[in-house]
C-alpha atoms as a PDB file:
ATOM      1  CA  UNK A   1     -10.557 168.436 -56.804  1.00  0.00           C
ATOM      2  CA  UNK A   2      -7.290 167.991 -54.936  1.00  0.00           C
ATOM      3  CA  UNK A   3      -8.811 169.315 -51.719  1.00  0.00           C
ATOM      4  CA  UNK A   4     -11.856 167.041 -52.169  1.00  0.00           C
ATOM      5  CA  UNK A   5      -9.519 164.067 -52.510  1.00  0.00           C
ATOM      6  CA  UNK A   6      -7.637 165.064 -49.368  1.00  0.00           C
ATOM      7  CA  UNK A   7     -10.839 165.580 -47.387  1.00  0.00           C
ATOM      8  CA  UNK A   8     -12.091 162.169 -48.420  1.00  0.00           C
ATOM      9  CA  UNK A   9     -14.851 160.812 -50.616  1.00  0.00           C
ATOM     10  CA  UNK A  10     -18.356 162.190 -50.458  1.00  0.00           C
ATOM     11  CA  UNK A  11     -19.606 158.972 -48.949  1.00  0.00           C
ATOM     12  CA  UNK A  12     -23.110 158.502 -47.674  1.00  0.00           C
ATOM     13  CA  UNK A  13     -23.954 158.602 -44.007  1.00  0.00           C
ATOM     14  CA  UNK A  14     -24.649 155.375 -42.176  1.00  0.00           C
ATOM     15  CA  UNK A  15     -27.360 156.682 -39.892  1.00  0.00           C
ATOM     16  CA  UNK A  16     -28.809 154.991 -36.871  1.00  0.00           C
ATOM     17  CA  UNK A  17     -30.459 156.091 -33.654  1.00  0.00           C
ATOM     18  CA  UNK A  18     -27.683 157.940 -31.863  1.00  0.00           C
ATOM     19  CA  UNK A  19     -27.285 159.116 -28.298  1.00  0.00           C
ATOM     20  CA  UNK A  20     -25.111 162.224 -28.596  1.00  0.00           C
ATOM     21  CA  UNK A  21     -23.832 161.711 -25.053  1.00  0.00           C
ATOM     22  CA  UNK A  22     -22.372 158.330 -25.989  1.00  0.00           C
ATOM     23  CA  UNK A  23     -20.477 160.110 -28.783  1.00  0.00           C
ATOM     24  CA  UNK A  24     -19.260 162.899 -26.478  1.00  0.00           C
ATOM     25  CA  UNK A  25     -18.208 160.460 -23.762  1.00  0.00           C
ATOM     26  CA  UNK A  26     -16.292 158.351 -26.284  1.00  0.00           C
ATOM     27  CA  UNK A  27     -14.418 161.455 -27.492  1.00  0.00           C
ATOM     28  CA  UNK A  28     -13.829 162.582 -23.895  1.00  0.00           C
ATOM     29  CA  UNK A  29     -12.223 159.220 -23.081  1.00  0.00           C
ATOM     30  CA  UNK A  30     -10.076 159.313 -26.234  1.00  0.00           C
ATOM     31  CA  UNK A  31      -8.747 162.801 -25.501  1.00  0.00           C
ATOM     32  CA  UNK A  32      -8.089 161.950 -21.843  1.00  0.00           C
ATOM     33  CA  UNK A  33      -5.887 159.056 -22.988  1.00  0.00           C
ATOM     34  CA  UNK A  34      -4.073 161.256 -25.533  1.00  0.00           C
ATOM     35  CA  UNK A  35      -3.561 164.179 -23.156  1.00  0.00           C
ATOM     36  CA  UNK A  36      -2.813 162.020 -20.129  1.00  0.00           C
ATOM     37  CA  UNK A  37      -3.219 164.342 -17.119  1.00  0.00           C
ATOM     38  CA  UNK A  38      -2.270 167.585 -18.887  1.00  0.00           C
ATOM     39  CA  UNK A  39      -5.864 168.584 -19.668  1.00  0.00           C
ATOM     40  CA  UNK A  40      -9.121 168.918 -17.759  1.00  0.00           C
ATOM     41  CA  UNK A  41     -12.327 168.063 -19.640  1.00  0.00           C
ATOM     42  CA  UNK A  42     -15.612 169.130 -18.037  1.00  0.00           C
ATOM     43  CA  UNK A  43     -19.056 167.838 -18.972  1.00  0.00           C
ATOM     44  CA  UNK A  44     -22.226 169.926 -19.048  1.00  0.00           C
ATOM     45  CA  UNK A  45     -24.846 167.710 -20.674  1.00  0.00           C
ATOM     46  CA  UNK A  46     -28.558 168.290 -21.158  1.00  0.00           C
ATOM     47  CA  UNK A  47     -30.174 164.982 -20.107  1.00  0.00           C
ATOM     48  CA  UNK A  48     -33.383 165.836 -22.001  1.00  0.00           C
ATOM     49  CA  UNK A  49     -31.728 165.380 -25.410  1.00  0.00           C
ATOM     50  CA  UNK A  50     -33.458 162.495 -27.214  1.00  0.00           C
ATOM     51  CA  UNK A  51     -31.731 160.073 -29.547  1.00  0.00           C
ATOM     52  CA  UNK A  52     -31.811 161.076 -33.208  1.00  0.00           C
ATOM     53  CA  UNK A  53     -30.743 159.663 -36.559  1.00  0.00           C
ATOM     54  CA  UNK A  54     -27.072 160.352 -37.235  1.00  0.00           C
ATOM     55  CA  UNK A  55     -23.837 158.664 -38.214  1.00  0.00           C
ATOM     56  CA  UNK A  56     -22.106 158.203 -34.836  1.00  0.00           C
ATOM     57  CA  UNK A  57     -18.708 157.393 -36.357  1.00  0.00           C
ATOM     58  CA  UNK A  58     -18.657 160.597 -38.423  1.00  0.00           C
ATOM     59  CA  UNK A  59     -19.896 162.667 -35.483  1.00  0.00           C
ATOM     60  CA  UNK A  60     -17.123 161.136 -33.371  1.00  0.00           C
ATOM     61  CA  UNK A  61     -14.571 162.213 -35.992  1.00  0.00           C
ATOM     62  CA  UNK A  62     -15.983 165.754 -36.201  1.00  0.00           C
ATOM     63  CA  UNK A  63     -16.097 166.159 -32.427  1.00  0.00           C
ATOM     64  CA  UNK A  64     -12.620 164.685 -31.998  1.00  0.00           C
ATOM     65  CA  UNK A  65     -11.276 167.238 -34.507  1.00  0.00           C
ATOM     66  CA  UNK A  66     -12.891 170.081 -32.534  1.00  0.00           C
ATOM     67  CA  UNK A  67     -11.618 168.769 -29.191  1.00  0.00           C
ATOM     68  CA  UNK A  68      -8.072 168.234 -30.496  1.00  0.00           C
ATOM     69  CA  UNK A  69      -8.025 171.800 -31.824  1.00  0.00           C
ATOM     70  CA  UNK A  70      -9.222 173.065 -28.436  1.00  0.00           C
ATOM     71  CA  UNK A  71      -6.508 171.051 -26.677  1.00  0.00           C
ATOM     72  CA  UNK A  72      -3.882 172.408 -29.049  1.00  0.00           C
ATOM     73  CA  UNK A  73      -5.122 175.955 -28.390  1.00  0.00           C
ATOM     74  CA  UNK A  74      -5.253 175.818 -24.595  1.00  0.00           C
ATOM     75  CA  UNK A  75      -2.253 173.518 -24.110  1.00  0.00           C
ATOM     76  CA  UNK A  76      -1.127 171.740 -20.957  1.00  0.00           C
ATOM     77  CA  UNK A  77      -3.177 172.737 -17.940  1.00  0.00           C
ATOM     78  CA  UNK A  78      -6.040 173.853 -20.165  1.00  0.00           C
ATOM     79  CA  UNK A  79      -9.752 173.383 -19.631  1.00  0.00           C
ATOM     80  CA  UNK A  80     -12.202 172.114 -22.245  1.00  0.00           C
ATOM     81  CA  UNK A  81     -15.943 172.016 -21.637  1.00  0.00           C
ATOM     82  CA  UNK A  82     -18.204 169.676 -23.611  1.00  0.00           C
ATOM     83  CA  UNK A  83     -21.769 170.994 -23.487  1.00  0.00           C
ATOM     84  CA  UNK A  84     -25.009 169.736 -25.034  1.00  0.00           C
ATOM     85  CA  UNK A  85     -28.300 171.579 -25.302  1.00  0.00           C
ATOM     86  CA  UNK A  86     -31.548 171.122 -27.161  1.00  0.00           C
ATOM     87  CA  UNK A  87     -32.789 174.128 -29.105  1.00  0.00           C
ATOM     88  CA  UNK A  88     -36.466 174.329 -30.038  1.00  0.00           C
ATOM     89  CA  UNK A  89     -37.818 176.033 -33.168  1.00  0.00           C
ATOM     90  CA  UNK A  90     -34.321 176.957 -34.285  1.00  0.00           C
ATOM     91  CA  UNK A  91     -33.100 177.987 -37.743  1.00  0.00           C
ATOM     92  CA  UNK A  92     -29.993 176.288 -39.173  1.00  0.00           C
ATOM     93  CA  UNK A  93     -28.735 177.271 -42.612  1.00  0.00           C
ATOM     94  CA  UNK A  94     -32.000 179.045 -43.467  1.00  0.00           C
ATOM     95  CA  UNK A  95     -34.183 176.072 -42.487  1.00  0.00           C
ATOM     96  CA  UNK A  96     -36.411 176.062 -39.398  1.00  0.00           C
ATOM     97  CA  UNK A  97     -36.265 172.896 -37.278  1.00  0.00           C
ATOM     98  CA  UNK A  98     -38.418 171.729 -34.376  1.00  0.00           C
ATOM     99  CA  UNK A  99     -35.407 170.367 -32.482  1.00  0.00           C
ATOM    100  CA  UNK A 100     -31.704 171.026 -32.902  1.00  0.00           C
ATOM    101  CA  UNK A 101     -28.853 169.475 -30.936  1.00  0.00           C
ATOM    102  CA  UNK A 102     -26.295 172.131 -29.967  1.00  0.00           C
ATOM    103  CA  UNK A 103     -22.996 170.429 -29.167  1.00  0.00           C
ATOM    104  CA  UNK A 104     -20.376 172.848 -27.865  1.00  0.00           C
ATOM    105  CA  UNK A 105     -16.637 172.552 -27.371  1.00  0.00           C
ATOM    106  CA  UNK A 106     -15.320 175.470 -25.318  1.00  0.00           C
ATOM    107  CA  UNK A 107     -11.715 176.083 -24.259  1.00  0.00           C
ATOM    108  CA  UNK A 108      -9.847 178.609 -22.142  1.00  0.00           C
ATOM    109  CA  UNK A 109      -7.072 179.185 -24.667  1.00  0.00           C
ATOM    110  CA  UNK A 110      -5.810 182.502 -26.067  1.00  0.00           C
ATOM    111  CA  UNK A 111      -8.582 182.817 -28.652  1.00  0.00           C
ATOM    112  CA  UNK A 112      -8.511 182.844 -32.440  1.00  0.00           C
ATOM    113  CA  UNK A 113      -6.948 185.849 -34.204  1.00  0.00           C
ATOM    114  CA  UNK A 114      -9.742 187.975 -35.655  1.00  0.00           C
ATOM    115  CA  UNK A 115      -8.200 187.914 -39.137  1.00  0.00           C
ATOM    116  CA  UNK A 116      -8.357 184.116 -39.199  1.00  0.00           C
ATOM    117  CA  UNK A 117     -12.040 183.773 -38.224  1.00  0.00           C
ATOM    118  CA  UNK A 118     -13.627 184.358 -41.685  1.00  0.00           C
ATOM    119  CA  UNK A 119     -11.406 181.658 -43.274  1.00  0.00           C
ATOM    120  CA  UNK A 120     -11.325 179.215 -40.379  1.00  0.00           C
ATOM    121  CA  UNK A 121     -13.315 176.385 -41.999  1.00  0.00           C
ATOM    122  CA  UNK A 122     -11.547 176.546 -45.354  1.00  0.00           C
ATOM    123  CA  UNK A 123      -9.174 173.685 -46.178  1.00  0.00           C
ATOM    124  CA  UNK A 124      -5.480 174.305 -45.524  1.00  0.00           C
ATOM    125  CA  UNK A 125      -6.152 177.261 -43.189  1.00  0.00           C
ATOM    126  CA  UNK A 126      -4.470 176.855 -39.818  1.00  0.00           C
ATOM    127  CA  UNK A 127      -3.185 178.958 -36.990  1.00  0.00           C
ATOM    128  CA  UNK A 128      -0.741 176.298 -35.800  1.00  0.00           C
ATOM    129  CA  UNK A 129       2.734 175.721 -37.181  1.00  0.00           C
ATOM    130  CA  UNK A 130       2.312 171.929 -37.209  1.00  0.00           C
ATOM    131  CA  UNK A 131      -1.359 172.003 -38.281  1.00  0.00           C
ATOM    132  CA  UNK A 132      -2.632 170.698 -41.601  1.00  0.00           C
ATOM    133  CA  UNK A 133      -5.679 172.962 -41.789  1.00  0.00           C
ATOM    134  CA  UNK A 134      -7.974 170.019 -42.473  1.00  0.00           C
ATOM    135  CA  UNK A 135      -9.564 169.243 -39.086  1.00  0.00           C
ATOM    136  CA  UNK A 136     -12.120 172.051 -39.068  1.00  0.00           C
ATOM    137  CA  UNK A 137     -12.901 171.577 -42.776  1.00  0.00           C
ATOM    138  CA  UNK A 138     -13.641 167.913 -42.195  1.00  0.00           C
ATOM    139  CA  UNK A 139     -15.736 168.668 -39.099  1.00  0.00           C
ATOM    140  CA  UNK A 140     -17.777 171.269 -40.998  1.00  0.00           C
ATOM    141  CA  UNK A 141     -18.308 168.868 -43.887  1.00  0.00           C
ATOM    142  CA  UNK A 142     -19.601 166.194 -41.484  1.00  0.00           C
ATOM    143  CA  UNK A 143     -21.965 168.698 -39.840  1.00  0.00           C
ATOM    144  CA  UNK A 144     -23.190 169.722 -43.306  1.00  0.00           C
ATOM    145  CA  UNK A 145     -23.805 166.081 -44.237  1.00  0.00           C
ATOM    146  CA  UNK A 146     -26.114 165.910 -41.208  1.00  0.00           C
ATOM    147  CA  UNK A 147     -27.999 169.031 -42.348  1.00  0.00           C
ATOM    148  CA  UNK A 148     -26.195 171.170 -39.775  1.00  0.00           C
ATOM    149  CA  UNK A 149     -23.239 173.472 -39.412  1.00  0.00           C
ATOM    150  CA  UNK A 150     -20.525 174.584 -37.017  1.00  0.00           C
ATOM    151  CA  UNK A 151     -20.301 178.123 -35.663  1.00  0.00           C
ATOM    152  CA  UNK A 152     -17.486 179.712 -33.690  1.00  0.00           C
ATOM    153  CA  UNK A 153     -17.138 182.635 -31.331  1.00  0.00           C
ATOM    154  CA  UNK A 154     -13.827 183.566 -29.809  1.00  0.00           C
ATOM    155  CA  UNK A 155     -12.204 186.086 -27.505  1.00  0.00           C
ATOM    156  CA  UNK A 156      -9.032 185.842 -25.440  1.00  0.00           C
ATOM    157  CA  UNK A 157      -9.568 183.213 -22.761  1.00  0.00           C
ATOM    158  CA  UNK A 158     -12.655 181.651 -24.344  1.00  0.00           C
ATOM    159  CA  UNK A 159     -13.311 180.017 -27.690  1.00  0.00           C
ATOM    160  CA  UNK A 160     -16.486 178.048 -28.331  1.00  0.00           C
ATOM    161  CA  UNK A 161     -17.300 175.910 -31.356  1.00  0.00           C
ATOM    162  CA  UNK A 162     -20.981 174.964 -31.609  1.00  0.00           C
ATOM    163  CA  UNK A 163     -22.079 172.104 -33.850  1.00  0.00           C
ATOM    164  CA  UNK A 164     -25.769 172.504 -34.670  1.00  0.00           C
ATOM    165  CA  UNK A 165     -27.434 169.255 -35.758  1.00  0.00           C
ATOM    166  CA  UNK A 166     -31.118 169.091 -36.761  1.00  0.00           C
ATOM    167  CA  UNK A 167     -32.740 166.186 -34.973  1.00  0.00           C
ATOM    168  CA  UNK A 168     -35.692 165.433 -37.252  1.00  0.00           C
ATOM    169  CA  UNK A 169     -34.625 165.897 -40.888  1.00  0.00           C
ATOM    170  CA  UNK A 170     -33.340 163.718 -43.656  1.00  0.00           C
ATOM    171  CA  UNK A 171     -29.737 164.506 -44.433  1.00  0.00           C
ATOM    172  CA  UNK A 172     -28.093 165.594 -47.633  1.00  0.00           C
ATOM    173  CA  UNK A 173     -25.727 162.706 -48.308  1.00  0.00           C
ATOM    174  CA  UNK A 174     -23.015 164.866 -49.795  1.00  0.00           C
END
């Protein structure tokens, strides 16, 4: 209950037709202002991605959490790549979807320790001394609210978080 209170209420999504590239560009601008010139952010967008029903404010929060973690991991002089792709006939959480938006945040940091990977999305789990351990939990909860999830793969020099968002379903408003 305490963790649920910290993570915020289980409020309903306020969905509207959303262009995922508007969300990614907004986050890219925010992180550029925060990082000043200490970080390079590349874009690799799939222009064929259609708009879909989503809560753009919550997606902005989830993506900002992922990008801030990437920045923290790779530090000054780091490189973050924001990538979008459309996946067809793809299974997310045991459900098959016609179209899925794959939104990736990749960084060139040192990677995530292997022992931390299985617990990474749990509240209060962090690999950073000043971290709260809430950013990834909140991002995963937002992805889940949209019927999706976040996956991670990591090795030294490359970590990639992929947010998978079904583009045609009704969402569980949890």
